Amino acid sequence: MTFNKKIISAVLALQIIFCFASCKDLISLDLKLGEYQQLYITTKYGQCEINVIPNLGYCSNSLQISPIKALECGAKLIGENLFVGGSQYSAKFQLGQVETNLSFTIPNTDSAFFGEENLCFGEFVISIQDNIIVELFSQRVIQDQKFYVNIKDIKSLDKVVGSIELGAPNKSLIKKGSNFVSLLSNQGEYSTDYYLYSNRNLSYGNLQLFGGTSALVSLGNPFLCISNFGFESLLQAFSVQGIKYTYLPDENYQVVLESIDKLQNISIDLVKEDNSIFTLTVKPEHYTRQLENGQYELLIQPTFYTNVIALGYTILQPYYLGFDVIAKTVLIAEKAEDNVVSY
């Protein structure tokens, strides 16, 4: 019995040591919600604090500041960036508990990137592109060229609504018994966004809507974007159910609901790499948002594209997503229930 206790104690000690090592190495950045519904990260470059958007598309690290401000904050001019079109700088960035050098560009006024303040998490397509994940990996700050996104609560502006982990996942967020599965990428060789294959199966309760063959994962907006035909079918279903709503097509296609009590789950089928199906289940509280007057905004919008749907960050709240920058793949796992906010 004493021998068994010693074994158990030794195992527990090893687990504690392993956990301490993993937690110590985990780089986790808070995600906040901005005024225009964009997710952003607050970080420091040199001595100055700045808010930057995590960009998953065609991007390079860029800050829209004056050259004088950059130098005053502690950045160093290192040359020109031809990818962006502007002066390139290097500075120490504070990323969670880690301080490390990153390159960024101040875009010229004629640059396609002018006005952007972002850290690039998009796919790495050319060597002169500044990508935070690639840079951290090259400096051996992270072990894998991956990042992970957790959206937990979208109710409050300028408050923490989730996190983004660099290089390794926070395994405590994942539901017990659940593991990451790899979703089948549906993007051409030159596509820089994260597109997934879908089998067109998109349903509201038992009602089949018009899904797409491609699903774009978006951290840039909160909306599930579906075809115009599917959107009209959804509103018709609300009317049949006796759900009271106001449709404002001239105000960015906004739909305002008096209550979400009668709403049903939305299901979206995504194709895994082994060609089996992973079904996203989206509850009403994750495709609506309560307004200050007690009513609810429907976070679904129509698109004129018939083959593509967009998965806004709100519907991804029950899931933990991983992105492989080099392999251009997306991983997904169910989150533990205590990491999913219910309203």
Protein backbone atom coordinates (compact mmCIF):
# COMPACT_ATOMS: atom_id res chain seq x y z
CA MET A 1 0.00 0.00 0.00
CA THR A 2 2.85 2.39 0.93
CA PHE A 3 4.63 1.47 -2.32
CA ASN A 4 1.47 2.25 -4.34
CA LYS A 5 1.12 5.60 -2.58
CA LYS A 6 4.69 6.46 -3.51
CA ILE A 7 4.01 5.60 -7.16
CA ILE A 8 0.85 7.73 -7.16
CA SER A 9 2.73 10.63 -5.54
CA ALA A 10 5.51 10.36 -8.12
CA VAL A 11 3.01 10.34 -11.00
CA LEU A 12 1.21 13.38 -9.58
CA ALA A 13 4.51 15.19 -9.18
CA LEU A 14 5.40 14.49 -12.81
CA GLN A 15 1.98 15.73 -13.93
CA ILE A 16 2.45 18.95 -11.96
CA ILE A 17 5.91 19.46 -13.46
CA PHE A 18 4.56 18.78 -16.97
CA CYS A 19 1.63 21.15 -16.46
CA PHE A 20 3.92 23.86 -15.11
CA ALA A 21 6.20 23.54 -18.14
CA SER A 22 3.29 23.64 -20.60
CA CYS A 23 1.58 26.59 -18.91
CA LYS A 24 4.85 28.48 -18.65
CA ASP A 25 5.44 28.10 -22.39
CA LEU A 26 1.87 28.98 -23.39
CA ILE A 27 1.60 32.37 -25.08
CA SER A 28 -1.98 33.57 -24.75
CA LEU A 29 -3.20 36.98 -25.92
CA ASP A 30 -6.51 38.51 -24.88
CA LEU A 31 -9.00 39.23 -27.64
CA LYS A 32 -11.24 42.27 -27.21
CA LEU A 33 -14.28 43.50 -29.12
CA GLY A 34 -14.08 46.90 -30.81
CA GLU A 35 -16.70 49.51 -31.60
CA TYR A 36 -17.12 48.23 -35.16
CA GLN A 37 -17.46 44.59 -34.01
CA GLN A 38 -13.88 43.73 -34.94
CA LEU A 39 -11.69 41.61 -32.68
CA TYR A 40 -8.45 43.23 -31.58
CA ILE A 41 -5.37 42.66 -29.42
CA THR A 42 -3.78 45.24 -27.13
CA THR A 43 -0.01 44.98 -27.20
CA LYS A 44 3.11 47.09 -26.73
CA TYR A 45 5.83 47.80 -29.25
CA GLY A 46 8.82 49.38 -27.55
CA GLN A 47 7.39 51.75 -24.93
CA CYS A 48 4.06 52.38 -26.68
CA GLU A 49 0.72 50.57 -26.41
CA ILE A 50 -1.34 49.92 -29.51
CA ASN A 51 -4.46 48.01 -30.56
CA VAL A 52 -4.00 45.70 -33.54
CA ILE A 53 -6.34 43.45 -35.48
CA PRO A 54 -5.44 39.76 -35.96
CA ASN A 55 -5.64 39.48 -39.75
CA LEU A 56 -6.28 36.04 -41.29
CA GLY A 57 -6.27 37.19 -44.90
CA TYR A 58 -3.82 38.73 -47.36
CA CYS A 59 -1.63 40.60 -44.92
CA SER A 60 1.67 41.63 -43.43
CA ASN A 61 2.37 43.16 -40.02
CA SER A 62 1.54 46.85 -40.47
CA LEU A 63 0.97 49.85 -38.20
CA GLN A 64 -0.47 53.17 -39.35
CA ILE A 65 1.69 55.48 -37.26
CA SER A 66 4.10 58.26 -38.13
CA PRO A 67 7.79 57.39 -38.64
CA ILE A 68 8.68 59.86 -35.88
CA LYS A 69 6.26 58.13 -33.49
CA ALA A 70 7.73 54.71 -34.36
CA LEU A 71 11.26 55.87 -33.55
CA GLU A 72 10.15 57.62 -30.34
CA CYS A 73 8.52 54.38 -29.18
CA GLY A 74 11.75 52.46 -29.69
CA ALA A 75 11.37 50.94 -33.16
CA LYS A 76 14.34 50.78 -35.53
CA LEU A 77 14.18 51.47 -39.27
CA ILE A 78 15.51 48.42 -41.12
CA GLY A 79 14.64 49.16 -44.76
CA GLU A 80 11.77 49.00 -47.24
CA ASN A 81 9.09 46.31 -47.50
CA LEU A 82 8.17 45.75 -51.15
CA PHE A 83 5.26 43.44 -50.28
CA VAL A 84 3.43 46.20 -48.39
CA GLY A 85 5.01 49.24 -49.98
CA GLY A 86 6.43 51.25 -47.11
CA SER A 87 9.20 51.65 -44.55
CA GLN A 88 9.95 48.55 -42.49
CA TYR A 89 10.79 48.66 -38.79
CA SER A 90 11.73 46.25 -36.02
CA ALA A 91 10.66 46.58 -32.40
CA LYS A 92 10.24 44.55 -29.24
CA PHE A 93 6.60 43.49 -28.87
CA GLN A 94 5.01 42.36 -25.62
CA LEU A 95 3.04 39.18 -26.34
CA GLY A 96 1.51 37.92 -23.13
CA GLN A 97 4.43 37.17 -20.82
CA VAL A 98 6.90 37.09 -23.71
CA GLU A 99 8.84 40.01 -25.19
CA THR A 100 10.24 39.41 -28.65
CA ASN A 101 11.31 41.26 -31.80
CA LEU A 102 8.82 41.59 -34.65
CA SER A 103 9.04 43.41 -37.96
CA PHE A 104 6.29 45.70 -39.21
CA THR A 105 5.76 48.19 -42.01
CA ILE A 106 4.29 51.69 -42.07
CA PRO A 107 2.42 51.61 -45.41
CA ASN A 108 2.81 54.44 -47.91
CA THR A 109 -0.34 56.40 -48.79
CA ASP A 110 -0.56 54.61 -52.16
CA SER A 111 -0.20 51.15 -50.59
CA ALA A 112 -3.12 48.71 -50.62
CA PHE A 113 -2.39 48.25 -46.90
CA PHE A 114 -2.62 51.97 -46.05
CA GLY A 115 -4.71 52.54 -42.93
CA GLU A 116 -4.31 48.99 -41.58
CA GLU A 117 -3.10 48.27 -38.07
CA ASN A 118 -2.74 44.54 -37.82
CA LEU A 119 -0.59 41.60 -36.94
CA CYS A 120 -0.62 39.08 -39.76
CA PHE A 121 -1.89 35.60 -38.89
CA GLY A 122 -2.76 34.81 -42.51
CA GLU A 123 -1.08 32.30 -44.74
CA PHE A 124 2.58 32.83 -45.47
CA VAL A 125 2.95 33.15 -49.25
CA ILE A 126 6.16 35.15 -49.81
CA SER A 127 9.40 35.59 -47.86
CA ILE A 128 9.14 39.40 -47.57
CA GLN A 129 5.73 39.11 -45.91
CA ASP A 130 5.88 39.83 -42.15
CA ASN A 131 3.87 37.15 -40.36
CA ILE A 132 3.81 36.97 -36.57
CA ILE A 133 3.62 33.16 -36.42
CA VAL A 134 6.46 32.63 -38.91
CA GLU A 135 8.65 35.18 -37.11
CA LEU A 136 8.04 33.66 -33.67
CA PHE A 137 8.81 30.19 -35.03
CA SER A 138 12.04 31.35 -36.70
CA GLN A 139 13.14 32.83 -33.34
CA ARG A 140 12.25 29.55 -31.57
CA VAL A 141 9.74 31.34 -29.37
CA ILE A 142 7.05 28.82 -30.42
CA GLN A 143 7.43 25.18 -31.46
CA ASP A 144 4.78 25.00 -34.21
CA GLN A 145 3.62 27.49 -36.83
CA LYS A 146 0.07 27.34 -35.56
CA PHE A 147 -2.29 29.51 -33.55
CA TYR A 148 -5.56 28.80 -31.76
CA VAL A 149 -8.65 30.96 -31.27
CA ASN A 150 -11.14 30.87 -28.41
CA ILE A 151 -14.22 33.14 -28.52
CA LYS A 152 -16.04 33.06 -25.21
CA ASP A 153 -18.26 36.10 -24.69
CA ILE A 154 -19.17 38.83 -27.20
CA LYS A 155 -21.40 40.98 -25.00
CA SER A 156 -19.04 43.77 -23.96
CA LEU A 157 -17.14 46.34 -26.02
CA ASP A 158 -13.45 46.81 -25.16
CA LYS A 159 -13.59 43.92 -22.71
CA VAL A 160 -11.90 40.53 -23.05
CA VAL A 161 -14.11 38.27 -25.19
CA GLY A 162 -11.67 35.43 -25.84
CA SER A 163 -8.06 34.56 -26.46
CA ILE A 164 -5.59 33.62 -29.14
CA GLU A 165 -2.85 31.13 -28.32
CA LEU A 166 0.42 31.12 -30.25
CA GLY A 167 2.26 27.92 -31.15
CA ALA A 168 0.34 25.57 -28.86
CA PRO A 169 -3.27 25.19 -27.67
CA ASN A 170 -4.63 25.73 -24.19
CA LYS A 171 -5.79 22.15 -23.66
CA SER A 172 -7.87 23.08 -20.62
CA LEU A 173 -10.38 24.72 -23.00
CA ILE A 174 -11.15 21.45 -24.78
CA LYS A 175 -14.08 19.23 -23.78
CA LYS A 176 -13.06 16.03 -22.03
CA GLY A 177 -12.96 13.21 -24.56
CA SER A 178 -12.82 15.64 -27.49
CA ASN A 179 -9.77 16.08 -29.69
CA PHE A 180 -8.83 18.33 -32.57
CA VAL A 181 -9.94 17.11 -35.98
CA SER A 182 -8.54 18.48 -39.21
CA LEU A 183 -11.01 20.05 -41.63
CA LEU A 184 -10.58 19.74 -45.39
CA SER A 185 -9.16 22.89 -46.90
CA ASN A 186 -10.92 24.32 -49.95
CA GLN A 187 -8.57 26.98 -51.22
CA GLY A 188 -6.48 27.31 -54.33
CA GLU A 189 -2.74 27.52 -54.31
CA TYR A 190 -2.88 31.32 -54.31
CA SER A 191 -5.76 31.83 -51.86
CA THR A 192 -4.71 33.55 -48.64
CA ASP A 193 -7.87 33.05 -46.57
CA TYR A 194 -8.98 29.98 -44.66
CA TYR A 195 -11.65 28.26 -46.77
CA LEU A 196 -13.16 24.88 -45.85
CA TYR A 197 -15.20 22.33 -47.78
CA SER A 198 -18.89 22.00 -46.97
CA ASN A 199 -21.44 19.56 -48.41
CA ARG A 200 -24.09 22.33 -48.69
CA ASN A 201 -25.96 20.95 -45.69
CA LEU A 202 -27.07 24.00 -43.71
CA SER A 203 -30.29 23.72 -41.76
CA TYR A 204 -32.45 25.66 -39.32
CA GLY A 205 -34.13 23.00 -37.21
CA ASN A 206 -35.46 20.56 -39.85
CA LEU A 207 -35.57 23.20 -42.58
CA GLN A 208 -32.89 22.89 -45.24
CA LEU A 209 -31.44 26.23 -46.25
CA PHE A 210 -29.16 26.94 -49.20
CA GLY A 211 -25.63 26.15 -48.04
CA GLY A 212 -22.40 26.41 -50.00
CA THR A 213 -19.54 24.19 -51.08
CA SER A 214 -17.06 26.53 -49.37
CA ALA A 215 -17.06 28.00 -45.87
CA LEU A 216 -14.82 30.96 -45.06
CA VAL A 217 -13.63 31.23 -41.45
CA SER A 218 -13.75 34.90 -40.47
CA LEU A 219 -12.47 36.74 -37.41
CA GLY A 220 -13.28 40.04 -39.11
CA ASN A 221 -17.02 40.11 -38.45
CA PRO A 222 -19.58 38.38 -36.20
CA PHE A 223 -22.04 37.34 -38.91
CA LEU A 224 -22.95 33.99 -40.38
CA CYS A 225 -23.34 34.93 -44.05
CA ILE A 226 -25.59 32.66 -46.12
CA SER A 227 -27.09 32.88 -49.59
CA ASN A 228 -29.88 35.36 -50.20
CA PHE A 229 -32.23 32.43 -50.92
CA GLY A 230 -31.36 30.78 -47.62
CA PHE A 231 -31.80 34.06 -45.76
CA GLU A 232 -35.28 34.59 -47.22
CA SER A 233 -36.23 31.01 -46.31
CA LEU A 234 -35.07 31.64 -42.75
CA LEU A 235 -37.24 34.75 -42.39
CA GLN A 236 -40.21 32.85 -43.81
CA ALA A 237 -39.62 30.14 -41.21
CA PHE A 238 -39.67 32.79 -38.46
CA SER A 239 -43.06 34.00 -39.72
CA VAL A 240 -44.47 30.46 -39.77
CA GLN A 241 -43.27 29.95 -36.19
CA GLY A 242 -44.88 33.18 -35.05
CA ILE A 243 -41.52 34.75 -34.22
CA LYS A 244 -41.84 38.53 -34.20
CA TYR A 245 -39.04 40.35 -35.98
CA THR A 246 -38.25 43.60 -37.79
CA TYR A 247 -36.25 43.41 -41.00
CA LEU A 248 -34.20 46.50 -41.92
CA PRO A 249 -32.65 45.81 -45.35
CA ASP A 250 -31.45 49.42 -45.67
CA GLU A 251 -29.56 49.16 -42.38
CA ASN A 252 -27.04 46.49 -43.32
CA TYR A 253 -29.80 43.84 -43.58
CA GLN A 254 -30.35 43.95 -39.83
CA VAL A 255 -32.99 41.71 -38.28
CA VAL A 256 -34.22 42.57 -34.78
CA LEU A 257 -36.07 39.93 -32.74
CA GLU A 258 -38.30 40.50 -29.73
CA SER A 259 -37.32 37.14 -28.21
CA ILE A 260 -35.15 34.12 -28.98
CA ASP A 261 -37.33 31.61 -27.09
CA LYS A 262 -38.75 29.95 -30.22
CA LEU A 263 -35.54 29.92 -32.25
CA GLN A 264 -34.03 26.57 -33.21
CA ASN A 265 -30.47 25.37 -33.62
CA ILE A 266 -28.62 25.87 -36.88
CA SER A 267 -26.51 22.99 -38.23
CA ILE A 268 -23.66 23.36 -40.72
CA ASP A 269 -21.79 20.40 -42.17
CA LEU A 270 -18.05 20.74 -42.79
CA VAL A 271 -15.92 18.07 -44.45
CA LYS A 272 -13.02 16.57 -42.51
CA GLU A 273 -9.74 15.57 -44.14
CA ASP A 274 -10.83 11.91 -44.10
CA ASN A 275 -14.00 12.99 -46.02
CA SER A 276 -16.29 12.30 -43.07
CA ILE A 277 -18.54 15.08 -41.74
CA PHE A 278 -18.10 17.42 -38.79
CA THR A 279 -21.36 19.17 -37.91
CA LEU A 280 -21.29 22.61 -36.34
CA THR A 281 -24.26 23.03 -34.01
CA VAL A 282 -25.08 26.68 -33.40
CA LYS A 283 -27.52 27.52 -30.61
CA PRO A 284 -29.76 30.63 -30.78
CA GLU A 285 -27.69 32.43 -28.14
CA HIS A 286 -24.67 32.09 -30.42
CA TYR A 287 -26.24 33.50 -33.58
CA THR A 288 -27.99 36.40 -31.83
CA ARG A 289 -26.86 39.21 -29.57
CA GLN A 290 -28.97 41.03 -26.99
CA LEU A 291 -29.32 44.78 -27.49
CA GLU A 292 -29.50 47.41 -24.77
CA ASN A 293 -33.30 47.67 -25.16
CA GLY A 294 -33.73 43.96 -24.40
CA GLN A 295 -34.36 42.93 -28.00
CA TYR A 296 -32.01 40.71 -30.00
CA GLU A 297 -30.01 41.26 -33.16
CA LEU A 298 -29.85 38.32 -35.56
CA LEU A 299 -26.19 37.76 -36.44
CA ILE A 300 -27.00 36.29 -39.84
CA GLN A 301 -26.75 38.25 -43.08
CA PRO A 302 -27.50 37.49 -46.73
CA THR A 303 -24.84 37.27 -49.41
CA PHE A 304 -25.27 37.12 -53.17
CA TYR A 305 -22.71 34.31 -53.35
CA THR A 306 -24.46 30.95 -53.73
CA ASN A 307 -21.45 28.67 -53.24
CA VAL A 308 -19.76 30.34 -50.26
CA ILE A 309 -20.89 30.90 -46.69
CA ALA A 310 -18.92 32.87 -44.09
CA LEU A 311 -18.53 31.62 -40.53
CA GLY A 312 -18.35 34.72 -38.35
CA TYR A 313 -16.66 34.48 -34.98
CA THR A 314 -19.90 34.47 -32.94
CA ILE A 315 -21.09 31.07 -34.16
CA LEU A 316 -17.70 29.58 -33.31
CA GLN A 317 -18.11 30.21 -29.57
CA PRO A 318 -18.72 26.53 -28.67
CA TYR A 319 -15.56 25.48 -30.55
CA TYR A 320 -11.80 25.88 -30.23
CA LEU A 321 -10.15 26.49 -33.59
CA GLY A 322 -6.56 25.91 -34.63
CA PHE A 323 -4.90 27.34 -37.74
CA ASP A 324 -1.81 25.90 -39.42
CA VAL A 325 -0.17 28.82 -41.24
CA ILE A 326 2.07 26.67 -43.45
CA ALA A 327 -0.20 23.68 -44.20
CA LYS A 328 -3.18 26.04 -44.72
CA THR A 329 -5.45 23.83 -42.62
CA VAL A 330 -7.96 24.45 -39.83
CA LEU A 331 -8.37 22.28 -36.73
CA ILE A 332 -11.50 22.20 -34.59
CA ALA A 333 -12.49 20.75 -31.22
CA GLU A 334 -15.50 21.08 -28.95
CA LYS A 335 -14.88 23.28 -25.93
CA ALA A 336 -15.62 22.27 -22.36
CA GLU A 337 -19.07 23.50 -21.32
CA ASP A 338 -17.69 25.79 -18.61
CA ASN A 339 -15.73 27.59 -21.34
CA VAL A 340 -18.88 28.33 -23.37
CA VAL A 341 -21.02 31.26 -22.25
CA SER A 342 -24.77 30.67 -22.14
CA TYR A 343 -27.20 33.58 -21.94
